[in-house]
Protein backbone atom coordinates (compact mmCIF):
# COMPACT_ATOMS: atom_id res chain seq x y z
CA MET A 1 -14.10 22.78 -13.95
CA ASP A 2 -16.25 25.79 -13.05
CA ASP A 3 -19.52 25.54 -15.02
CA SER A 4 -19.50 29.32 -15.43
CA VAL A 5 -16.66 29.08 -17.98
CA LEU A 6 -18.41 26.43 -20.09
CA HIS A 7 -19.97 27.35 -23.40
CA ASP A 8 -23.76 27.82 -23.25
CA PHE A 9 -25.05 25.94 -26.29
CA THR A 10 -28.62 27.12 -25.71
CA GLN A 11 -27.52 30.62 -26.80
CA PRO A 12 -26.60 31.15 -30.48
CA ASP A 13 -23.53 33.12 -31.47
CA GLN A 14 -22.73 34.91 -34.73
CA LEU A 15 -20.97 31.86 -36.19
CA SER A 16 -23.28 29.02 -35.11
CA ASP A 17 -24.75 27.44 -38.25
CA LEU A 18 -26.45 24.27 -37.01
CA THR A 19 -29.10 23.52 -34.40
CA LEU A 20 -29.23 20.16 -32.61
CA ILE A 21 -32.67 19.59 -31.14
CA VAL A 22 -32.58 17.26 -28.14
CA GLN A 23 -35.58 16.62 -25.91
CA GLY A 24 -37.16 19.84 -27.16
CA THR A 25 -34.10 22.00 -26.45
CA ASN A 26 -32.14 23.81 -29.17
CA LEU A 27 -28.36 23.51 -29.01
CA PHE A 28 -26.55 25.94 -31.29
CA VAL A 29 -23.33 24.48 -32.66
CA HIS A 30 -20.86 24.80 -35.55
CA LYS A 31 -20.73 22.33 -38.45
CA SER A 32 -17.03 22.72 -39.08
CA TYR A 33 -16.21 21.96 -35.46
CA LEU A 34 -18.43 18.88 -35.33
CA ALA A 35 -17.12 17.63 -38.69
CA GLU A 36 -13.52 18.00 -37.52
CA TRP A 37 -14.18 15.76 -34.49
CA SER A 38 -16.74 13.29 -35.83
CA GLY A 39 -16.57 11.18 -38.97
CA VAL A 40 -20.30 10.49 -38.67
CA TRP A 41 -21.23 14.15 -38.58
CA ARG A 42 -18.82 14.89 -41.42
CA ARG A 43 -20.45 12.28 -43.66
CA MET A 44 -23.88 13.52 -42.61
CA PHE A 45 -23.09 17.06 -43.73
CA LEU A 46 -21.34 16.05 -46.97
CA GLU A 47 -23.32 13.01 -48.10
CA ASP A 48 -26.76 12.90 -46.49
CA TYR A 49 -27.52 16.52 -47.27
CA GLY A 50 -25.54 16.80 -50.52
CA ASN A 51 -24.77 20.42 -49.75
CA PRO A 52 -23.52 21.22 -46.22
CA GLU A 53 -25.41 24.50 -46.37
CA GLU A 54 -28.70 22.58 -46.41
CA ALA A 55 -28.16 21.16 -42.94
CA LYS A 56 -29.76 23.64 -40.58
CA GLU A 57 -31.47 21.51 -37.94
CA ILE A 58 -30.88 17.93 -36.77
CA PHE A 59 -33.29 16.15 -34.44
CA LEU A 60 -31.61 13.73 -32.03
CA SER A 61 -34.81 12.09 -30.84
CA ASP A 62 -33.20 9.11 -29.11
CA LYS A 63 -30.61 11.09 -27.13
CA LYS A 64 -30.57 12.68 -23.69
CA LEU A 65 -30.00 16.43 -23.44
CA ASN A 66 -27.46 16.25 -20.60
CA GLU A 67 -25.38 13.60 -22.38
CA ILE A 68 -25.22 15.44 -25.71
CA THR A 69 -24.41 18.69 -23.88
CA GLU A 70 -21.63 16.93 -21.97
CA LEU A 71 -20.21 15.57 -25.23
CA LEU A 72 -20.19 19.06 -26.75
CA HIS A 73 -18.45 20.46 -23.67
CA CYS A 74 -15.73 17.83 -24.04
CA ILE A 75 -14.99 18.52 -27.71
CA TYR A 76 -15.30 22.30 -27.71
CA ALA A 77 -12.40 24.54 -26.69
CA THR A 78 -13.29 24.46 -22.98
CA GLN A 79 -12.44 20.72 -22.96
CA LYS A 80 -14.47 19.63 -19.95
CA PRO A 81 -12.63 16.75 -18.23
CA ILE A 82 -13.69 13.11 -18.35
CA SER A 83 -15.10 11.89 -15.05
CA GLU A 84 -16.69 8.82 -13.47
CA GLU A 85 -20.08 10.41 -14.08
CA ASN A 86 -19.69 10.92 -17.84
CA VAL A 87 -17.15 8.33 -19.04
CA SER A 88 -19.65 5.54 -19.81
CA TYR A 89 -22.02 7.51 -22.01
CA LEU A 90 -19.18 9.51 -23.60
CA LEU A 91 -17.73 6.20 -24.75
CA GLU A 92 -21.12 5.25 -26.20
CA LEU A 93 -21.42 8.57 -28.03
CA SER A 94 -17.81 8.57 -29.22
CA ASP A 95 -18.39 5.13 -30.73
CA GLU A 96 -21.63 6.15 -32.38
CA TYR A 97 -20.25 9.41 -33.81
CA GLU A 98 -16.68 8.10 -34.40
CA ILE A 99 -14.98 10.66 -32.16
CA GLU A 100 -11.63 8.94 -31.59
CA ARG A 101 -10.08 11.77 -29.58
CA ILE A 102 -12.83 11.62 -26.96
CA LYS A 103 -12.56 7.84 -26.93
CA LYS A 104 -8.81 8.08 -26.30
CA ARG A 105 -9.35 10.59 -23.48
CA CYS A 106 -11.89 8.23 -21.90
CA GLU A 107 -9.39 5.36 -22.05
CA GLU A 108 -6.65 7.53 -20.52
CA PHE A 109 -9.04 8.48 -17.71
CA LEU A 110 -9.94 4.84 -17.00
CA LEU A 111 -6.28 3.80 -17.03
CA ASN A 112 -5.68 6.20 -14.14
CA GLN A 113 -8.55 4.75 -12.10
CA GLU A 114 -8.60 1.70 -9.87
CA ARG A 115 -8.86 -1.53 -11.87
CA SER A 116 -12.27 -3.21 -11.92
CA ILE A 117 -14.43 -5.67 -13.84
CA GLN A 118 -16.34 -2.64 -15.11
CA SER A 119 -13.20 -1.27 -16.77
CA LEU A 120 -12.66 -4.67 -18.42
CA TYR A 121 -16.24 -4.62 -19.73
CA LEU A 122 -15.90 -1.06 -21.06
CA ALA A 123 -12.59 -1.96 -22.72
CA GLN A 124 -14.17 -5.01 -24.37
CA LYS A 125 -17.28 -3.14 -25.50
CA HIS A 126 -15.47 -0.13 -26.97
CA GLY A 127 -12.28 -1.78 -28.24
CA LEU A 128 -9.89 -0.09 -25.78
CA LYS A 129 -6.87 -2.34 -26.22
CA ILE A 130 -4.54 -0.94 -23.56
CA LEU A 131 -7.28 -0.78 -20.94
CA PHE A 132 -8.39 -4.31 -21.85
CA LYS A 133 -4.90 -5.69 -21.30
CA VAL A 134 -4.38 -4.16 -17.84
CA SER A 135 -7.96 -4.87 -16.74
CA PHE A 136 -7.68 -8.49 -17.86
CA GLU A 137 -4.55 -8.90 -15.72
CA PHE A 138 -6.60 -7.60 -12.79
CA ALA A 139 -9.58 -9.88 -13.50
CA LYS A 140 -7.58 -13.10 -13.62
CA THR A 141 -6.31 -12.51 -10.06
CA ARG A 142 -9.82 -12.14 -8.60
CA THR A 143 -11.59 -14.99 -6.85
CA VAL A 144 -14.54 -16.69 -8.51
CA GLU A 145 -16.83 -15.10 -5.90
CA GLU A 146 -15.48 -11.62 -6.66
CA LEU A 147 -15.95 -12.14 -10.40
CA GLU A 148 -19.46 -13.49 -10.20
CA SER A 149 -20.60 -10.79 -7.78
CA SER A 150 -19.89 -8.11 -10.39
CA SER A 151 -22.84 -7.15 -12.58
CA GLU A 152 -20.46 -6.31 -15.47
CA TYR A 153 -18.96 -9.81 -15.32
CA LYS A 154 -22.23 -11.22 -16.66
CA LEU A 155 -21.92 -8.89 -19.67
CA LEU A 156 -18.47 -10.08 -20.73
CA ASP A 157 -18.14 -12.08 -23.94
CA LYS A 158 -17.94 -15.85 -23.42
CA ASP A 159 -14.50 -15.92 -25.04
CA VAL A 160 -13.23 -13.39 -22.49
CA VAL A 161 -14.69 -15.37 -19.57
CA ILE A 162 -13.13 -18.59 -20.88
CA LYS A 163 -9.78 -16.84 -21.24
CA ILE A 164 -10.00 -15.52 -17.65
CA TYR A 165 -10.63 -19.01 -16.26
CA SER A 166 -7.93 -20.50 -18.48
CA GLU A 167 -5.43 -18.00 -17.08
CA LYS A 168 -6.58 -18.76 -13.53
CA VAL A 169 -5.98 -22.49 -14.15
CA ASN A 170 -2.48 -21.71 -15.45
CA MET A 171 -1.79 -19.56 -12.39
CA MET A 172 -2.89 -22.38 -10.07
CA ARG A 173 -0.79 -24.88 -12.03
CA ASN A 174 2.28 -22.64 -11.71
CA TYR A 175 1.57 -22.14 -8.02
CA ALA A 176 1.33 -25.91 -7.52
CA ASN A 177 4.68 -26.36 -9.30
CA ASP A 178 6.25 -23.71 -7.06
CA LEU A 179 4.89 -25.52 -3.99
CA ARG A 180 6.34 -28.83 -5.18
CA GLN A 181 9.74 -27.24 -5.73
CA SER A 182 9.61 -25.59 -2.31
CA GLU A 183 8.64 -28.90 -0.75
CA SER A 184 11.59 -30.63 -2.42
CA ARG A 185 13.99 -27.95 -1.16
CA LEU A 186 12.58 -28.25 2.35
CA GLU A 187 12.94 -32.04 2.30
CA ILE A 188 16.60 -31.70 1.32
CA THR A 189 17.17 -29.14 4.08
CA CYS A 190 15.38 -31.34 6.63
CA ASP A 191 17.55 -34.33 5.69
CA LYS A 192 20.67 -32.22 6.15
CA LEU A 193 19.44 -30.97 9.50
CA LYS A 194 18.74 -34.53 10.65
CA VAL A 195 22.33 -35.48 9.84
CA GLU A 196 23.63 -32.41 11.63
CA LYS A 197 21.44 -33.17 14.62
CA GLU A 198 23.04 -36.60 14.95
CA ASN A 199 26.50 -35.07 14.52
CA MET A 200 25.79 -32.55 17.23
CA LYS A 201 24.52 -35.26 19.58
CA ARG A 202 27.72 -37.22 19.03
CA SER A 203 29.80 -34.09 19.61
CA LEU A 204 27.98 -33.35 22.85
CA GLN A 205 28.48 -36.91 24.00
CA LEU A 206 32.19 -36.62 23.24
CA VAL A 207 32.33 -33.43 25.32
CA GLN A 208 30.56 -35.19 28.16
CA ASP A 209 32.97 -38.14 27.94
CA ILE A 210 36.06 -35.93 28.20
CA TRP A 211 35.92 -35.85 31.99
CA THR A 212 35.75 -39.67 32.22
CA THR A 213 38.44 -40.39 29.61
CA PRO A 214 41.88 -40.81 31.26
CA ASN A 215 43.97 -39.91 28.20
CA LYS A 216 42.30 -36.48 28.13
CA ARG A 217 43.99 -35.56 31.41
CA CYS A 218 47.49 -34.37 32.12
CA TYR A 219 50.28 -36.88 32.67
CA LYS A 220 50.12 -36.41 36.47
CA HIS A 221 46.51 -37.56 36.74
CA ILE A 222 46.15 -39.90 33.79
CA THR A 223 45.93 -42.94 36.03
CA GLU A 224 43.44 -41.48 38.48
CA GLU A 225 39.85 -42.66 38.39
CA LYS A 226 38.21 -39.23 38.87
CA PHE A 227 38.90 -35.95 37.16
CA ASP A 228 40.81 -33.42 39.23
CA PHE A 229 39.04 -30.09 38.61
CA SER A 230 41.70 -28.28 40.65
CA CYS A 231 44.45 -29.19 38.16
CA SER A 232 45.07 -26.36 35.68
CA ASP A 233 46.82 -28.69 33.23
CA CYS A 234 43.85 -31.06 33.16
CA ASN A 235 41.49 -28.13 32.64
CA ASP A 236 43.66 -26.80 29.81
CA LYS A 237 43.52 -30.15 28.05
CA VAL A 238 39.76 -30.29 28.45
CA ARG A 239 39.36 -26.75 27.07
CA TRP A 240 41.56 -27.59 24.09
CA GLU A 241 39.54 -30.74 23.38
CA ILE A 242 36.22 -28.86 23.60
CA ARG A 243 37.59 -26.14 21.31
CA ARG A 244 38.59 -28.79 18.75
CA LEU A 245 35.12 -30.32 18.80
CA CYS A 246 33.54 -26.89 18.38
CA VAL A 247 35.73 -26.15 15.35
CA GLU A 248 34.65 -29.41 13.78
CA GLY A 249 31.02 -28.32 14.21
CA GLN A 250 31.42 -24.91 12.54
CA HIS A 251 29.62 -26.05 9.36
CA VAL A 252 26.42 -26.40 11.37
CA ARG A 253 26.18 -22.63 11.63
CA VAL A 254 25.03 -22.29 8.02
CA TYR A 255 21.58 -23.36 9.19
CA PHE A 256 21.49 -20.78 12.00
CA PRO A 257 22.90 -17.57 10.43
CA SER A 258 21.18 -15.11 12.79
CA GLN A 259 22.28 -16.93 15.93
CA SER A 260 25.83 -17.33 14.63
CA LYS A 261 26.09 -13.63 13.75
CA HIS A 262 24.85 -12.70 17.21
CA LYS A 263 27.45 -14.95 18.89
CA LYS A 264 30.26 -13.43 16.86
């Protein structure tokens, strides 16, 4: 957003009725607007002062000028967007002053950013339930080294850390179960392939024996010792016998689908 369109709180207008004094700078604001957004400010005007008209100046001695100004820009009509630069302290201020709408906008901003341990920490610290859920799912998939290298990881509650490691253990247990099931399926497949290998070896031997088996020749050469390759009848019988053996071996193709498809 172009800073030129933002409200200048250092300049009073005809309706400003409250001055926030931060680091020696006067910020001219409107009680009704602050009270609408913040439960803390509303109680301050109605309870601490008794009469809202009595509240003229409020010293914010422990606050930074740029952070309070940024907060005001976000709640006033200009609605300055949440960014990486302001989201952390806007969450702090929205908690302190009970500004739920700013808090929700901060969560929506973080939900659209890349997941990180920092987002999990912010979600935990400020009670952002949706962000906590998605950030926790991210955290449990990180390695131990990745987790421990994050400065925000050390700030997480012990219960959250324990839950992360518990989920990681469950993930490893599920992965181990998947590996065992895969191993069992592979063992079954290997046993089947071993059987098929032996069947194929026998089939190949039968093919090789055709030329030396007399009853596989035609009636004219059935008594001859050697196979007559010039005889068309003998060759026809051999081709028929090989075709029969190949048909019997069709079930082997289930293990070699790509090769079978290519041959077809």
